[in-house]
Every structure is written in structure tokens, then in C-alpha cells.
Amino acid sequence: LRTGVTVRTVRATPGERPAVGDGRHTYEADLVVAADGTDSVI
């Protein structure tokens, strides 16, 4: 669990692993789940 992380970008392109970023770090994974509510950035 990482708190204080504001996701600003998402990568969902055919040739790359999905990822999200907060402007400082990129979080890559096999799967990204957008559970960020009504105002979902993703």
C-alpha cells in the first residue's frame, strides 16, 4: 500500500506493459485496475 500517490498518466498501448505514473515514478504491471472513483484519471 502506497499512500499520497496522485496518478496523473496511464500507459495502455499495444506494445508496452500497462503502467501509471504520478510525474515522479512509473508503476508498471501486468494489469492496471482503475478503482479511482467517479473522477477517475485513468
PDB file of all heavy atoms in Angstrom:
ATOM      1  N   LEU A   1       0.841  -1.189   0.000  1.00  0.00           N
ATOM      2  CA  LEU A   1       0.000   0.000   0.000  1.00  0.00           C
ATOM      3  C   LEU A   1       0.880   1.244   0.000  1.00  0.00           C
ATOM      4  O   LEU A   1       1.732   1.415   0.877  1.00  0.00           O
ATOM      5  CB  LEU A   1      -0.916  -0.002   1.225  1.00  0.00           C
ATOM      6  CG  LEU A   1      -1.753   1.255   1.471  1.00  0.00           C
ATOM      7  CD1 LEU A   1      -2.677   1.542   0.293  1.00  0.00           C
ATOM      8  CD2 LEU A   1      -2.542   1.123   2.767  1.00  0.00           C
ATOM      9  N   ARG A   2       0.656   2.108  -0.982  1.00  0.00           N
ATOM     10  CA  ARG A   2       1.381   3.374  -1.061  1.00  0.00           C
ATOM     11  C   ARG A   2       0.367   4.508  -1.064  1.00  0.00           C
ATOM     12  O   ARG A   2      -0.453   4.608  -1.976  1.00  0.00           O
ATOM     13  CB  ARG A   2       2.251   3.439  -2.318  1.00  0.00           C
ATOM     14  CG  ARG A   2       3.331   2.374  -2.373  1.00  0.00           C
ATOM     15  CD  ARG A   2       4.318   2.655  -3.482  1.00  0.00           C
ATOM     16  NE  ARG A   2       5.341   1.625  -3.580  1.00  0.00           N
ATOM     17  CZ  ARG A   2       6.412   1.699  -4.373  1.00  0.00           C
ATOM     18  NH1 ARG A   2       6.587   2.768  -5.149  1.00  0.00           N
ATOM     19  NH2 ARG A   2       7.293   0.717  -4.401  1.00  0.00           N
ATOM     20  N   THR A   3       0.442   5.358  -0.055  1.00  0.00           N
ATOM     21  CA  THR A   3      -0.481   6.487   0.051  1.00  0.00           C
ATOM     22  C   THR A   3       0.213   7.761  -0.411  1.00  0.00           C
ATOM     23  O   THR A   3       1.433   7.806  -0.583  1.00  0.00           O
ATOM     24  CB  THR A   3      -0.965   6.650   1.502  1.00  0.00           C
ATOM     25  OG1 THR A   3       0.171   6.816   2.368  1.00  0.00           O
ATOM     26  CG2 THR A   3      -1.760   5.423   1.946  1.00  0.00           C
ATOM     27  N   GLY A   4      -0.580   8.798  -0.612  1.00  0.00           N
ATOM     28  CA  GLY A   4      -0.037  10.071  -1.069  1.00  0.00           C
ATOM     29  C   GLY A   4       0.443  10.043  -2.513  1.00  0.00           C
ATOM     30  O   GLY A   4       1.283  10.857  -2.903  1.00  0.00           O
ATOM     31  N   VAL A   5      -0.102   9.129  -3.311  1.00  0.00           N
ATOM     32  CA  VAL A   5       0.302   8.995  -4.721  1.00  0.00           C
ATOM     33  C   VAL A   5      -0.862   9.459  -5.593  1.00  0.00           C
ATOM     34  O   VAL A   5      -1.936   8.845  -5.586  1.00  0.00           O
ATOM     35  CB  VAL A   5       0.670   7.536  -5.075  1.00  0.00           C
ATOM     36  CG1 VAL A   5       1.023   7.437  -6.554  1.00  0.00           C
ATOM     37  CG2 VAL A   5       1.823   7.050  -4.203  1.00  0.00           C
ATOM     38  N   THR A   6      -0.658  10.531  -6.334  1.00  0.00           N
ATOM     39  CA  THR A   6      -1.671  11.050  -7.237  1.00  0.00           C
ATOM     40  C   THR A   6      -1.337  10.627  -8.660  1.00  0.00           C
ATOM     41  O   THR A   6      -0.403  11.153  -9.282  1.00  0.00           O
ATOM     42  CB  THR A   6      -1.751  12.585  -7.161  1.00  0.00           C
ATOM     43  OG1 THR A   6      -2.064  12.979  -5.821  1.00  0.00           O
ATOM     44  CG2 THR A   6      -2.822  13.131  -8.105  1.00  0.00           C
ATOM     45  N   VAL A   7      -2.063   9.671  -9.172  1.00  0.00           N
ATOM     46  CA  VAL A   7      -1.819   9.177 -10.532  1.00  0.00           C
ATOM     47  C   VAL A   7      -2.266  10.224 -11.539  1.00  0.00           C
ATOM     48  O   VAL A   7      -3.375  10.761 -11.457  1.00  0.00           O
ATOM     49  CB  VAL A   7      -2.558   7.843 -10.760  1.00  0.00           C
ATOM     50  CG1 VAL A   7      -2.539   7.460 -12.233  1.00  0.00           C
ATOM     51  CG2 VAL A   7      -1.930   6.745  -9.911  1.00  0.00           C
ATOM     52  N   ARG A   8      -1.395  10.517 -12.494  1.00  0.00           N
ATOM     53  CA  ARG A   8      -1.672  11.539 -13.499  1.00  0.00           C
ATOM     54  C   ARG A   8      -1.693  10.991 -14.919  1.00  0.00           C
ATOM     55  O   ARG A   8      -2.313  11.584 -15.807  1.00  0.00           O
ATOM     56  CB  ARG A   8      -0.633  12.670 -13.403  1.00  0.00           C
ATOM     57  CG  ARG A   8      -0.543  13.297 -12.012  1.00  0.00           C
ATOM     58  CD  ARG A   8       0.472  14.429 -11.970  1.00  0.00           C
ATOM     59  NE  ARG A   8       0.690  14.890 -10.601  1.00  0.00           N
ATOM     60  CZ  ARG A   8      -0.121  15.717  -9.946  1.00  0.00           C
ATOM     61  NH1 ARG A   8      -1.220  16.171 -10.553  1.00  0.00           N
ATOM     62  NH2 ARG A   8       0.140  16.081  -8.706  1.00  0.00           N
ATOM     63  N   THR A   9      -1.008   9.878 -15.150  1.00  0.00           N
ATOM     64  CA  THR A   9      -0.922   9.342 -16.509  1.00  0.00           C
ATOM     65  C   THR A   9      -1.132   7.829 -16.487  1.00  0.00           C
ATOM     66  O   THR A   9      -0.916   7.170 -15.466  1.00  0.00           O
ATOM     67  CB  THR A   9       0.457   9.638 -17.137  1.00  0.00           C
ATOM     68  OG1 THR A   9       1.487   9.021 -16.337  1.00  0.00           O
ATOM     69  CG2 THR A   9       0.709  11.133 -17.224  1.00  0.00           C
ATOM     70  N   VAL A  10      -1.563   7.316 -17.623  1.00  0.00           N
ATOM     71  CA  VAL A  10      -1.708   5.876 -17.792  1.00  0.00           C
ATOM     72  C   VAL A  10      -1.149   5.495 -19.157  1.00  0.00           C
ATOM     73  O   VAL A  10      -1.300   6.235 -20.129  1.00  0.00           O
ATOM     74  CB  VAL A  10      -3.177   5.438 -17.665  1.00  0.00           C
ATOM     75  CG1 VAL A  10      -4.058   6.138 -18.678  1.00  0.00           C
ATOM     76  CG2 VAL A  10      -3.307   3.926 -17.802  1.00  0.00           C
ATOM     77  N   ARG A  11      -0.484   4.357 -19.212  1.00  0.00           N
ATOM     78  CA  ARG A  11       0.032   3.824 -20.477  1.00  0.00           C
ATOM     79  C   ARG A  11      -0.730   2.552 -20.798  1.00  0.00           C
ATOM     80  O   ARG A  11      -0.700   1.591 -20.040  1.00  0.00           O
ATOM     81  CB  ARG A  11       1.522   3.543 -20.364  1.00  0.00           C
ATOM     82  CG  ARG A  11       2.168   3.118 -21.690  1.00  0.00           C
ATOM     83  CD  ARG A  11       3.661   2.975 -21.521  1.00  0.00           C
ATOM     84  NE  ARG A  11       4.015   1.805 -20.717  1.00  0.00           N
ATOM     85  CZ  ARG A  11       5.114   1.710 -19.977  1.00  0.00           C
ATOM     86  NH1 ARG A  11       5.960   2.725 -19.910  1.00  0.00           N
ATOM     87  NH2 ARG A  11       5.356   0.609 -19.284  1.00  0.00           N
ATOM     88  N   ALA A  12      -1.439   2.575 -21.935  1.00  0.00           N
ATOM     89  CA  ALA A  12      -2.228   1.422 -22.346  1.00  0.00           C
ATOM     90  C   ALA A  12      -2.078   1.253 -23.854  1.00  0.00           C
ATOM     91  O   ALA A  12      -3.036   1.404 -24.615  1.00  0.00           O
ATOM     92  CB  ALA A  12      -3.687   1.606 -21.964  1.00  0.00           C
ATOM     93  N   THR A  13      -0.862   0.967 -24.275  1.00  0.00           N
ATOM     94  CA  THR A  13      -0.554   0.835 -25.699  1.00  0.00           C
ATOM     95  C   THR A  13      -0.226  -0.616 -26.028  1.00  0.00           C
ATOM     96  O   THR A  13       0.235  -1.379 -25.158  1.00  0.00           O
ATOM     97  CB  THR A  13       0.632   1.735 -26.077  1.00  0.00           C
ATOM     98  OG1 THR A  13       1.737   1.455 -25.200  1.00  0.00           O
ATOM     99  CG2 THR A  13       0.262   3.201 -25.930  1.00  0.00           C
ATOM    100  N   PRO A  14      -0.418  -1.032 -27.302  1.00  0.00           N
ATOM    101  CA  PRO A  14      -0.267  -2.445 -27.671  1.00  0.00           C
ATOM    102  C   PRO A  14       1.108  -3.035 -27.392  1.00  0.00           C
ATOM    103  O   PRO A  14       1.217  -4.189 -26.981  1.00  0.00           O
ATOM    104  CB  PRO A  14      -0.563  -2.444 -29.181  1.00  0.00           C
ATOM    105  CG  PRO A  14      -1.435  -1.248 -29.387  1.00  0.00           C
ATOM    106  CD  PRO A  14      -0.951  -0.225 -28.412  1.00  0.00           C
ATOM    107  N   GLY A  15       2.176  -2.278 -27.576  1.00  0.00           N
ATOM    108  CA  GLY A  15       3.496  -2.880 -27.494  1.00  0.00           C
ATOM    109  C   GLY A  15       4.190  -2.794 -26.161  1.00  0.00           C
ATOM    110  O   GLY A  15       5.326  -3.267 -26.030  1.00  0.00           O
ATOM    111  N   GLU A  16       3.547  -2.192 -25.142  1.00  0.00           N
ATOM    112  CA  GLU A  16       4.227  -1.985 -23.864  1.00  0.00           C
ATOM    113  C   GLU A  16       3.371  -2.485 -22.705  1.00  0.00           C
ATOM    114  O   GLU A  16       2.139  -2.551 -22.800  1.00  0.00           O
ATOM    115  CB  GLU A  16       4.517  -0.495 -23.661  1.00  0.00           C
ATOM    116  CG  GLU A  16       5.408   0.133 -24.719  1.00  0.00           C
ATOM    117  CD  GLU A  16       5.617   1.608 -24.446  1.00  0.00           C
ATOM    118  OE1 GLU A  16       4.766   2.411 -24.860  1.00  0.00           O
ATOM    119  OE2 GLU A  16       6.625   1.953 -23.812  1.00  0.00           O
ATOM    120  N   ARG A  17       4.041  -2.811 -21.606  1.00  0.00           N
ATOM    121  CA  ARG A  17       3.299  -3.208 -20.408  1.00  0.00           C
ATOM    122  C   ARG A  17       2.486  -2.032 -19.902  1.00  0.00           C
ATOM    123  O   ARG A  17       2.930  -0.882 -19.967  1.00  0.00           O
ATOM    124  CB  ARG A  17       4.257  -3.662 -19.301  1.00  0.00           C
ATOM    125  CG  ARG A  17       5.007  -4.925 -19.593  1.00  0.00           C
ATOM    126  CD  ARG A  17       5.883  -5.289 -18.403  1.00  0.00           C
ATOM    127  NE  ARG A  17       5.105  -5.918 -17.327  1.00  0.00           N
ATOM    128  CZ  ARG A  17       5.442  -5.878 -16.048  1.00  0.00           C
ATOM    129  NH1 ARG A  17       6.509  -5.193 -15.665  1.00  0.00           N
ATOM    130  NH2 ARG A  17       4.737  -6.519 -15.147  1.00  0.00           N
ATOM    131  N   PRO A  18       1.288  -2.301 -19.422  1.00  0.00           N
ATOM    132  CA  PRO A  18       0.487  -1.198 -18.877  1.00  0.00           C
ATOM    133  C   PRO A  18       1.165  -0.582 -17.667  1.00  0.00           C
ATOM    134  O   PRO A  18       1.901  -1.261 -16.923  1.00  0.00           O
ATOM    135  CB  PRO A  18      -0.835  -1.870 -18.511  1.00  0.00           C
ATOM    136  CG  PRO A  18      -0.525  -3.318 -18.389  1.00  0.00           C
ATOM    137  CD  PRO A  18       0.597  -3.589 -19.344  1.00  0.00           C
ATOM    138  N   ALA A  19       0.935   0.706 -17.467  1.00  0.00           N
ATOM    139  CA  ALA A  19       1.592   1.411 -16.368  1.00  0.00           C
ATOM    140  C   ALA A  19       0.821   2.686 -16.056  1.00  0.00           C
ATOM    141  O   ALA A  19       0.047   3.190 -16.876  1.00  0.00           O
ATOM    142  CB  ALA A  19       3.035   1.740 -16.727  1.00  0.00           C
ATOM    143  N   VAL A  20       1.027   3.183 -14.843  1.00  0.00           N
ATOM    144  CA  VAL A  20       0.531   4.504 -14.454  1.00  0.00           C
ATOM    145  C   VAL A  20       1.701   5.286 -13.876  1.00  0.00           C
ATOM    146  O   VAL A  20       2.715   4.710 -13.445  1.00  0.00           O
ATOM    147  CB  VAL A  20      -0.613   4.411 -13.414  1.00  0.00           C
ATOM    148  CG1 VAL A  20      -1.834   3.737 -14.021  1.00  0.00           C
ATOM    149  CG2 VAL A  20      -0.160   3.675 -12.152  1.00  0.00           C
ATOM    150  N   GLY A  21       1.578   6.612 -13.870  1.00  0.00           N
ATOM    151  CA  GLY A  21       2.642   7.446 -13.339  1.00  0.00           C
ATOM    152  C   GLY A  21       2.086   8.629 -12.579  1.00  0.00           C
ATOM    153  O   GLY A  21       0.968   9.085 -12.842  1.00  0.00           O
ATOM    154  N   ASP A  22       2.876   9.119 -11.632  1.00  0.00           N
ATOM    155  CA  ASP A  22       2.469  10.291 -10.848  1.00  0.00           C
ATOM    156  C   ASP A  22       3.346  11.505 -11.129  1.00  0.00           C
ATOM    157  O   ASP A  22       3.300  12.497 -10.391  1.00  0.00           O
ATOM    158  CB  ASP A  22       2.492   9.973  -9.359  1.00  0.00           C
ATOM    159  CG  ASP A  22       3.888   9.669  -8.827  1.00  0.00           C
ATOM    160  OD1 ASP A  22       4.838   9.588  -9.644  1.00  0.00           O
ATOM    161  OD2 ASP A  22       4.041   9.514  -7.596  1.00  0.00           O
ATOM    162  N   GLY A  23       4.143  11.442 -12.198  1.00  0.00           N
ATOM    163  CA  GLY A  23       5.038  12.542 -12.524  1.00  0.00           C
ATOM    164  C   GLY A  23       6.438  12.350 -11.988  1.00  0.00           C
ATOM    165  O   GLY A  23       7.395  12.961 -12.473  1.00  0.00           O
ATOM    166  N   ARG A  24       6.573  11.472 -10.996  1.00  0.00           N
ATOM    167  CA  ARG A  24       7.900  11.157 -10.444  1.00  0.00           C
ATOM    168  C   ARG A  24       8.268   9.701 -10.646  1.00  0.00           C
ATOM    169  O   ARG A  24       9.414   9.378 -10.938  1.00  0.00           O
ATOM    170  CB  ARG A  24       7.933  11.490  -8.939  1.00  0.00           C
ATOM    171  CG  ARG A  24       7.762  12.958  -8.606  1.00  0.00           C
ATOM    172  CD  ARG A  24       7.722  13.153  -7.104  1.00  0.00           C
ATOM    173  NE  ARG A  24       6.596  12.403  -6.500  1.00  0.00           N
ATOM    174  CZ  ARG A  24       6.423  12.254  -5.205  1.00  0.00           C
ATOM    175  NH1 ARG A  24       7.309  12.757  -4.355  1.00  0.00           N
ATOM    176  NH2 ARG A  24       5.382  11.579  -4.738  1.00  0.00           N
ATOM    177  N   HIS A  25       7.266   8.828 -10.484  1.00  0.00           N
ATOM    178  CA  HIS A  25       7.513   7.399 -10.607  1.00  0.00           C
ATOM    179  C   HIS A  25       6.539   6.786 -11.611  1.00  0.00           C
ATOM    180  O   HIS A  25       5.415   7.264 -11.780  1.00  0.00           O
ATOM    181  CB  HIS A  25       7.349   6.697  -9.249  1.00  0.00           C
ATOM    182  CG  HIS A  25       8.227   7.241  -8.172  1.00  0.00           C
ATOM    183  ND1 HIS A  25       9.583   7.029  -8.129  1.00  0.00           N
ATOM    184  CD2 HIS A  25       7.930   8.016  -7.098  1.00  0.00           C
ATOM    185  CE1 HIS A  25      10.088   7.630  -7.072  1.00  0.00           C
ATOM    186  NE2 HIS A  25       9.107   8.244  -6.422  1.00  0.00           N
ATOM    187  N   THR A  26       6.990   5.728 -12.254  1.00  0.00           N
ATOM    188  CA  THR A  26       6.138   4.936 -13.136  1.00  0.00           C
ATOM    189  C   THR A  26       5.940   3.569 -12.504  1.00  0.00           C
ATOM    190  O   THR A  26       6.895   2.926 -12.074  1.00  0.00           O
ATOM    191  CB  THR A  26       6.777   4.781 -14.528  1.00  0.00           C
ATOM    192  OG1 THR A  26       6.911   6.071 -15.118  1.00  0.00           O
ATOM    193  CG2 THR A  26       5.897   3.911 -15.428  1.00  0.00           C
ATOM    194  N   TYR A  27       4.674   3.144 -12.436  1.00  0.00           N
ATOM    195  CA  TYR A  27       4.335   1.870 -11.819  1.00  0.00           C
ATOM    196  C   TYR A  27       3.855   0.925 -12.924  1.00  0.00           C
ATOM    197  O   TYR A  27       2.741   1.080 -13.434  1.00  0.00           O
ATOM    198  CB  TYR A  27       3.250   2.055 -10.761  1.00  0.00           C
ATOM    199  CG  TYR A  27       3.626   3.012  -9.647  1.00  0.00           C
ATOM    200  CD1 TYR A  27       3.369   4.372  -9.761  1.00  0.00           C
ATOM    201  CD2 TYR A  27       4.245   2.550  -8.493  1.00  0.00           C
ATOM    202  CE1 TYR A  27       3.712   5.252  -8.743  1.00  0.00           C
ATOM    203  CE2 TYR A  27       4.591   3.421  -7.466  1.00  0.00           C
ATOM    204  CZ  TYR A  27       4.325   4.775  -7.604  1.00  0.00           C
ATOM    205  OH  TYR A  27       4.669   5.637  -6.599  1.00  0.00           O
ATOM    206  N   GLU A  28       4.712  -0.017 -13.294  1.00  0.00           N
ATOM    207  CA  GLU A  28       4.396  -0.992 -14.334  1.00  0.00           C
ATOM    208  C   GLU A  28       3.843  -2.269 -13.717  1.00  0.00           C
ATOM    209  O   GLU A  28       4.185  -2.631 -12.590  1.00  0.00           O
ATOM    210  CB  GLU A  28       5.658  -1.371 -15.126  1.00  0.00           C
ATOM    211  CG  GLU A  28       6.004  -0.446 -16.249  1.00  0.00           C
ATOM    212  CD  GLU A  28       7.108  -1.029 -17.127  1.00  0.00           C
ATOM    213  OE1 GLU A  28       7.612  -2.138 -16.801  1.00  0.00           O
ATOM    214  OE2 GLU A  28       7.476  -0.387 -18.121  1.00  0.00           O
ATOM    215  N   ALA A  29       3.004  -2.971 -14.485  1.00  0.00           N
ATOM    216  CA  ALA A  29       2.471  -4.249 -14.009  1.00  0.00           C
ATOM    217  C   ALA A  29       1.864  -4.987 -15.196  1.00  0.00           C
ATOM    218  O   ALA A  29       1.725  -4.442 -16.295  1.00  0.00           O
ATOM    219  CB  ALA A  29       1.430  -4.029 -12.921  1.00  0.00           C
ATOM    220  N   ASP A  30       1.484  -6.227 -14.957  1.00  0.00           N
ATOM    221  CA  ASP A  30       0.761  -6.975 -15.985  1.00  0.00           C
ATOM    222  C   ASP A  30      -0.661  -6.441 -16.149  1.00  0.00           C
ATOM    223  O   ASP A  30      -1.237  -6.495 -17.237  1.00  0.00           O
ATOM    224  CB  ASP A  30       0.691  -8.462 -15.610  1.00  0.00           C
ATOM    225  CG  ASP A  30       2.076  -9.079 -15.493  1.00  0.00           C
ATOM    226  OD1 ASP A  30       2.895  -8.868 -16.405  1.00  0.00           O
ATOM    227  OD2 ASP A  30       2.329  -9.768 -14.480  1.00  0.00           O
ATOM    228  N   LEU A  31      -1.218  -5.926 -15.040  1.00  0.00           N
ATOM    229  CA  LEU A  31      -2.605  -5.463 -15.051  1.00  0.00           C
ATOM    230  C   LEU A  31      -2.704  -4.179 -14.239  1.00  0.00           C
ATOM    231  O   LEU A  31      -2.134  -4.076 -13.147  1.00  0.00           O
ATOM    232  CB  LEU A  31      -3.516  -6.528 -14.430  1.00  0.00           C
ATOM    233  CG  LEU A  31      -5.004  -6.189 -14.320  1.00  0.00           C
ATOM    234  CD1 LEU A  31      -5.659  -6.160 -15.703  1.00  0.00           C
ATOM    235  CD2 LEU A  31      -5.722  -7.198 -13.411  1.00  0.00           C
ATOM    236  N   VAL A  32      -3.438  -3.204 -14.776  1.00  0.00           N
ATOM    237  CA  VAL A  32      -3.757  -1.976 -14.052  1.00  0.00           C
ATOM    238  C   VAL A  32      -5.270  -1.947 -13.827  1.00  0.00           C
ATOM    239  O   VAL A  32      -6.042  -2.097 -14.781  1.00  0.00           O
ATOM    240  CB  VAL A  32      -3.313  -0.714 -14.823  1.00  0.00           C
ATOM    241  CG1 VAL A  32      -3.872   0.548 -14.165  1.00  0.00           C
ATOM    242  CG2 VAL A  32      -1.793  -0.637 -14.881  1.00  0.00           C
ATOM    243  N   VAL A  33      -5.670  -1.777 -12.572  1.00  0.00           N
ATOM    244  CA  VAL A  33      -7.087  -1.705 -12.231  1.00  0.00           C
ATOM    245  C   VAL A  33      -7.393  -0.273 -11.800  1.00  0.00           C
ATOM    246  O   VAL A  33      -6.836   0.215 -10.813  1.00  0.00           O
ATOM    247  CB  VAL A  33      -7.448  -2.679 -11.097  1.00  0.00           C
ATOM    248  CG1 VAL A  33      -8.935  -2.571 -10.757  1.00  0.00           C
ATOM    249  CG2 VAL A  33      -7.096  -4.109 -11.476  1.00  0.00           C
ATOM    250  N   ALA A  34      -8.268   0.385 -12.552  1.00  0.00           N
ATOM    251  CA  ALA A  34      -8.686   1.747 -12.218  1.00  0.00           C
ATOM    252  C   ALA A  34      -9.886   1.682 -11.293  1.00  0.00           C
ATOM    253  O   ALA A  34     -11.010   1.448 -11.730  1.00  0.00           O
ATOM    254  CB  ALA A  34      -9.032   2.516 -13.486  1.00  0.00           C
ATOM    255  N   ALA A  35      -9.634   1.863 -10.002  1.00  0.00           N
ATOM    256  CA  ALA A  35     -10.696   1.906  -8.998  1.00  0.00           C
ATOM    257  C   ALA A  35     -10.669   3.273  -8.324  1.00  0.00           C
ATOM    258  O   ALA A  35     -10.895   3.390  -7.118  1.00  0.00           O
ATOM    259  CB  ALA A  35     -10.502   0.790  -7.972  1.00  0.00           C
ATOM    260  N   ASP A  36     -10.381   4.297  -9.127  1.00  0.00           N
ATOM    261  CA  ASP A  36     -10.144   5.631  -8.597  1.00  0.00           C
ATOM    262  C   ASP A  36     -11.365   6.532  -8.657  1.00  0.00           C
ATOM    263  O   ASP A  36     -11.250   7.755  -8.702  1.00  0.00           O
ATOM    264  CB  ASP A  36      -8.946   6.296  -9.280  1.00  0.00           C
ATOM    265  CG  ASP A  36      -8.961   6.198 -10.798  1.00  0.00           C
ATOM    266  OD1 ASP A  36      -9.706   5.371 -11.335  1.00  0.00           O
ATOM    267  OD2 ASP A  36      -8.201   6.947 -11.450  1.00  0.00           O
ATOM    268  N   GLY A  37     -12.552   5.945  -8.635  1.00  0.00           N
ATOM    269  CA  GLY A  37     -13.764   6.704  -8.373  1.00  0.00           C
ATOM    270  C   GLY A  37     -14.348   7.446  -9.565  1.00  0.00           C
ATOM    271  O   GLY A  37     -13.904   7.334 -10.710  1.00  0.00           O
ATOM    272  N   THR A  38     -15.358   8.235  -9.263  1.00  0.00           N
ATOM    273  CA  THR A  38     -16.112   8.947 -10.291  1.00  0.00           C
ATOM    274  C   THR A  38     -15.221   9.849 -11.133  1.00  0.00           C
ATOM    275  O   THR A  38     -15.415   9.978 -12.344  1.00  0.00           O
ATOM    276  CB  THR A  38     -17.231   9.775  -9.631  1.00  0.00           C
ATOM    277  OG1 THR A  38     -18.043   8.913  -8.824  1.00  0.00           O
ATOM    278  CG2 THR A  38     -18.103  10.460 -10.671  1.00  0.00           C
ATOM    279  N   ASP A  39     -14.248  10.491 -10.510  1.00  0.00           N
ATOM    280  CA  ASP A  39     -13.354  11.405 -11.223  1.00  0.00           C
ATOM    281  C   ASP A  39     -12.088  10.701 -11.703  1.00  0.00           C
ATOM    282  O   ASP A  39     -11.019  11.320 -11.792  1.00  0.00           O
ATOM    283  CB  ASP A  39     -12.981  12.581 -10.318  1.00  0.00           C
ATOM    284  CG  ASP A  39     -14.186  13.456 -10.002  1.00  0.00           C
ATOM    285  OD1 ASP A  39     -14.916  13.814 -10.946  1.00  0.00           O
ATOM    286  OD2 ASP A  39     -14.400  13.776  -8.823  1.00  0.00           O
ATOM    287  N   SER A  40     -12.197   9.446 -12.025  1.00  0.00           N
ATOM    288  CA  SER A  40     -11.053   8.623 -12.416  1.00  0.00           C
ATOM    289  C   SER A  40     -10.176   9.283 -13.482  1.00  0.00           C
ATOM    290  O   SER A  40     -10.634   9.603 -14.582  1.00  0.00           O
ATOM    291  CB  SER A  40     -11.555   7.275 -12.941  1.00  0.00           C
ATOM    292  OG  SER A  40     -10.505   6.539 -13.534  1.00  0.00           O
ATOM    293  N   VAL A  41      -8.913   9.464 -13.140  1.00  0.00           N
ATOM    294  CA  VAL A  41      -7.936   9.985 -14.097  1.00  0.00           C
ATOM    295  C   VAL A  41      -7.692   8.964 -15.202  1.00  0.00           C
ATOM    296  O   VAL A  41      -7.565   9.317 -16.380  1.00  0.00           O
ATOM    297  CB  VAL A  41      -6.620  10.331 -13.372  1.00  0.00           C
ATOM    298  CG1 VAL A  41      -5.518  10.671 -14.381  1.00  0.00           C
ATOM    299  CG2 VAL A  41      -6.833  11.487 -12.410  1.00  0.00           C
ATOM    300  N   ILE A  42      -7.652   7.697 -14.827  1.00  0.00           N
ATOM    301  CA  ILE A  42      -7.377   6.646 -15.813  1.00  0.00           C
ATOM    302  C   ILE A  42      -8.520   6.557 -16.818  1.00  0.00           C
ATOM    303  O   ILE A  42      -8.296   6.464 -18.032  1.00  0.00           O
ATOM    304  CB  ILE A  42      -7.144   5.300 -15.101  1.00  0.00           C
ATOM    305  CG1 ILE A  42      -5.892   5.397 -14.216  1.00  0.00           C
ATOM    306  CG2 ILE A  42      -7.000   4.173 -16.114  1.00  0.00           C
ATOM    307  CD1 ILE A  42      -5.636   4.180 -13.384  1.00  0.00           C
TER     308      ILE A  42
END
